[in-house]
Amino acid sequence: MLYRIITIVGGLVFVVALFALLWFLCRKFLQHHGVTEQLSDRATVLATWTFAGISVGLVFAVAGAFVLGPWAFYRTLRGHDVAVSDGAAIWWGFGIVLIALGTTALGFFGFLVAVGAF
């Protein structure tokens, strides 16, 4: 029973870590493209919608996260008037989703190994 509680708490920590990583990557993306006004708020909105896209995509199929996450990033980015082409925005979104999900998945797998789940 203790391992189940530890695994659930660990899973929740990694969900928070995924959002934090998305926020950090979105902030760096906006800084790279010269956004300075309300940077933290804009990064939060961009990360929130990207996280929502990933979450809905994970419900349908794991591959859906790599479709809906970048699409949500692109759609949200269009509302922020950042000077980046549509194709580049989609590829940036895909890269951010790939890095964030890959890092979080590796960390969670390491956590599961550490608690003896694997």
C-alpha atoms as a PDB file:
ATOM      1  CA  MET A   1       0.000   0.000   0.000  1.00  0.00           C
ATOM      2  CA  LEU A   2       2.852   2.386   0.776  1.00  0.00           C
ATOM      3  CA  TYR A   3       4.327   1.874  -2.718  1.00  0.00           C
ATOM      4  CA  ARG A   4       1.002   2.825  -4.292  1.00  0.00           C
ATOM      5  CA  ILE A   5       0.848   6.056  -2.314  1.00  0.00           C
ATOM      6  CA  ILE A   6       4.462   6.864  -3.139  1.00  0.00           C
ATOM      7  CA  THR A   7       3.822   6.158  -6.834  1.00  0.00           C
ATOM      8  CA  ILE A   8       0.705   8.348  -6.925  1.00  0.00           C
ATOM      9  CA  VAL A   9       2.459  11.224  -5.160  1.00  0.00           C
ATOM     10  CA  GLY A  10       5.462  10.786  -7.451  1.00  0.00           C
ATOM     11  CA  GLY A  11       3.186  10.834 -10.487  1.00  0.00           C
ATOM     12  CA  LEU A  12       1.597  14.089  -9.332  1.00  0.00           C
ATOM     13  CA  VAL A  13       5.033  15.599  -8.792  1.00  0.00           C
ATOM     14  CA  PHE A  14       5.973  14.668 -12.348  1.00  0.00           C
ATOM     15  CA  VAL A  15       2.772  16.253 -13.714  1.00  0.00           C
ATOM     16  CA  VAL A  16       3.772  19.481 -11.979  1.00  0.00           C
ATOM     17  CA  ALA A  17       7.310  19.041 -13.330  1.00  0.00           C
ATOM     18  CA  LEU A  18       5.931  18.624 -16.864  1.00  0.00           C
ATOM     19  CA  PHE A  19       4.002  21.895 -16.604  1.00  0.00           C
ATOM     20  CA  ALA A  20       7.018  23.677 -15.108  1.00  0.00           C
ATOM     21  CA  LEU A  21       9.226  22.414 -17.930  1.00  0.00           C
ATOM     22  CA  LEU A  22       6.666  23.509 -20.537  1.00  0.00           C
ATOM     23  CA  TRP A  23       6.465  26.944 -18.910  1.00  0.00           C
ATOM     24  CA  PHE A  24      10.255  27.289 -18.890  1.00  0.00           C
ATOM     25  CA  LEU A  25      10.567  26.243 -22.544  1.00  0.00           C
ATOM     26  CA  CYS A  26       7.729  28.545 -23.618  1.00  0.00           C
ATOM     27  CA  ARG A  27       9.345  31.424 -21.744  1.00  0.00           C
ATOM     28  CA  LYS A  28      12.690  30.765 -23.461  1.00  0.00           C
ATOM     29  CA  PHE A  29      10.908  30.574 -26.825  1.00  0.00           C
ATOM     30  CA  LEU A  30       9.212  33.929 -26.276  1.00  0.00           C
ATOM     31  CA  GLN A  31      12.461  35.521 -25.082  1.00  0.00           C
ATOM     32  CA  HIS A  32      14.248  34.144 -28.152  1.00  0.00           C
ATOM     33  CA  HIS A  33      11.669  35.839 -30.362  1.00  0.00           C
ATOM     34  CA  GLY A  34      11.971  39.214 -28.636  1.00  0.00           C
ATOM     35  CA  VAL A  35       8.881  39.216 -26.428  1.00  0.00           C
ATOM     36  CA  THR A  36       9.487  41.330 -23.329  1.00  0.00           C
ATOM     37  CA  GLU A  37       6.053  42.682 -22.354  1.00  0.00           C
ATOM     38  CA  GLN A  38       4.184  40.510 -19.846  1.00  0.00           C
ATOM     39  CA  LEU A  39       6.620  37.680 -20.517  1.00  0.00           C
ATOM     40  CA  SER A  40       5.665  35.594 -17.502  1.00  0.00           C
ATOM     41  CA  ASP A  41       1.920  35.879 -18.153  1.00  0.00           C
ATOM     42  CA  ARG A  42       2.279  35.105 -21.840  1.00  0.00           C
ATOM     43  CA  ALA A  43       4.493  32.102 -21.090  1.00  0.00           C
ATOM     44  CA  THR A  44       1.908  30.857 -18.586  1.00  0.00           C
ATOM     45  CA  VAL A  45      -0.929  31.097 -21.114  1.00  0.00           C
ATOM     46  CA  LEU A  46       1.162  29.412 -23.807  1.00  0.00           C
ATOM     47  CA  ALA A  47       2.263  26.624 -21.449  1.00  0.00           C
ATOM     48  CA  THR A  48      -1.268  26.114 -20.124  1.00  0.00           C
ATOM     49  CA  TRP A  49      -2.802  25.599 -23.547  1.00  0.00           C
ATOM     50  CA  THR A  50       0.105  23.415 -24.678  1.00  0.00           C
ATOM     51  CA  PHE A  51      -0.298  21.325 -21.523  1.00  0.00           C
ATOM     52  CA  ALA A  52      -4.040  21.049 -22.196  1.00  0.00           C
ATOM     53  CA  GLY A  53      -3.356  19.872 -25.748  1.00  0.00           C
ATOM     54  CA  ILE A  54      -0.881  17.282 -24.513  1.00  0.00           C
ATOM     55  CA  SER A  55      -3.320  16.085 -21.853  1.00  0.00           C
ATOM     56  CA  VAL A  56      -6.202  15.627 -24.275  1.00  0.00           C
ATOM     57  CA  GLY A  57      -3.862  13.946 -26.748  1.00  0.00           C
ATOM     58  CA  LEU A  58      -2.676  11.500 -24.097  1.00  0.00           C
ATOM     59  CA  VAL A  59      -6.263  10.504 -23.335  1.00  0.00           C
ATOM     60  CA  PHE A  60      -6.962   9.425 -26.917  1.00  0.00           C
ATOM     61  CA  ALA A  61      -3.593   7.915 -27.725  1.00  0.00           C
ATOM     62  CA  VAL A  62      -0.036   8.695 -26.774  1.00  0.00           C
ATOM     63  CA  ALA A  63       0.671   9.871 -30.324  1.00  0.00           C
ATOM     64  CA  GLY A  64      -2.184  12.367 -29.984  1.00  0.00           C
ATOM     65  CA  ALA A  65      -0.100  14.380 -27.538  1.00  0.00           C
ATOM     66  CA  PHE A  66       2.404  15.045 -30.311  1.00  0.00           C
ATOM     67  CA  VAL A  67      -0.393  16.325 -32.552  1.00  0.00           C
ATOM     68  CA  LEU A  68      -2.633  18.272 -30.176  1.00  0.00           C
ATOM     69  CA  GLY A  69       0.223  19.716 -28.076  1.00  0.00           C
ATOM     70  CA  PRO A  70       1.965  21.484 -30.986  1.00  0.00           C
ATOM     71  CA  TRP A  71      -1.407  22.489 -32.437  1.00  0.00           C
ATOM     72  CA  ALA A  72      -2.420  24.118 -29.128  1.00  0.00           C
ATOM     73  CA  PHE A  73       0.999  25.825 -28.971  1.00  0.00           C
ATOM     74  CA  TYR A  74       0.542  27.150 -32.513  1.00  0.00           C
ATOM     75  CA  ARG A  75      -3.044  28.359 -31.955  1.00  0.00           C
ATOM     76  CA  THR A  76      -2.116  30.121 -28.721  1.00  0.00           C
ATOM     77  CA  LEU A  77       0.993  31.636 -30.264  1.00  0.00           C
ATOM     78  CA  ARG A  78      -1.084  33.161 -33.088  1.00  0.00           C
ATOM     79  CA  GLY A  79      -2.977  35.155 -30.442  1.00  0.00           C
ATOM     80  CA  HIS A  80       0.244  36.646 -29.060  1.00  0.00           C
ATOM     81  CA  ASP A  81       1.388  38.245 -32.338  1.00  0.00           C
ATOM     82  CA  VAL A  82       4.890  36.768 -32.193  1.00  0.00           C
ATOM     83  CA  ALA A  83       6.819  37.240 -35.422  1.00  0.00           C
ATOM     84  CA  VAL A  84       7.304  33.602 -36.429  1.00  0.00           C
ATOM     85  CA  SER A  85       5.995  31.746 -39.471  1.00  0.00           C
ATOM     86  CA  ASP A  86       3.219  29.167 -39.165  1.00  0.00           C
ATOM     87  CA  GLY A  87       5.503  26.249 -40.035  1.00  0.00           C
ATOM     88  CA  ALA A  88       8.177  27.373 -37.609  1.00  0.00           C
ATOM     89  CA  ALA A  89       5.592  27.785 -34.840  1.00  0.00           C
ATOM     90  CA  ILE A  90       4.347  24.229 -35.347  1.00  0.00           C
ATOM     91  CA  TRP A  91       7.901  22.814 -35.346  1.00  0.00           C
ATOM     92  CA  TRP A  92       8.830  24.847 -32.267  1.00  0.00           C
ATOM     93  CA  GLY A  93       5.696  23.521 -30.567  1.00  0.00           C
ATOM     94  CA  PHE A  94       6.572  19.954 -31.543  1.00  0.00           C
ATOM     95  CA  GLY A  95      10.104  20.389 -30.202  1.00  0.00           C
ATOM     96  CA  ILE A  96       8.892  21.852 -26.921  1.00  0.00           C
ATOM     97  CA  VAL A  97       6.379  19.021 -26.486  1.00  0.00           C
ATOM     98  CA  LEU A  98       8.975  16.389 -27.390  1.00  0.00           C
ATOM     99  CA  ILE A  99      11.591  17.746 -24.971  1.00  0.00           C
ATOM    100  CA  ALA A 100       9.119  18.233 -22.113  1.00  0.00           C
ATOM    101  CA  LEU A 101       7.422  14.846 -22.476  1.00  0.00           C
ATOM    102  CA  GLY A 102      10.689  12.990 -23.073  1.00  0.00           C
ATOM    103  CA  THR A 103      12.412  14.498 -20.056  1.00  0.00           C
ATOM    104  CA  THR A 104       9.410  13.896 -17.818  1.00  0.00           C
ATOM    105  CA  ALA A 105       8.931  10.327 -19.054  1.00  0.00           C
ATOM    106  CA  LEU A 106      12.578   9.449 -18.449  1.00  0.00           C
ATOM    107  CA  GLY A 107      12.437  10.972 -14.977  1.00  0.00           C
ATOM    108  CA  PHE A 108       9.224   9.127 -14.109  1.00  0.00           C
ATOM    109  CA  PHE A 109      10.623   5.843 -15.420  1.00  0.00           C
ATOM    110  CA  GLY A 110      13.703   6.375 -13.236  1.00  0.00           C
ATOM    111  CA  PHE A 111      11.405   7.099 -10.293  1.00  0.00           C
ATOM    112  CA  LEU A 112       9.467   3.863 -10.894  1.00  0.00           C
ATOM    113  CA  VAL A 113      12.708   1.908 -11.040  1.00  0.00           C
ATOM    114  CA  ALA A 114      13.858   3.566  -7.811  1.00  0.00           C
ATOM    115  CA  VAL A 115      10.684   2.560  -5.941  1.00  0.00           C
ATOM    116  CA  GLY A 116      10.827  -0.960  -7.313  1.00  0.00           C
ATOM    117  CA  ALA A 117       7.850  -0.837  -9.673  1.00  0.00           C
ATOM    118  CA  PHE A 118      10.033  -2.225 -12.482  1.00  0.00           C
END
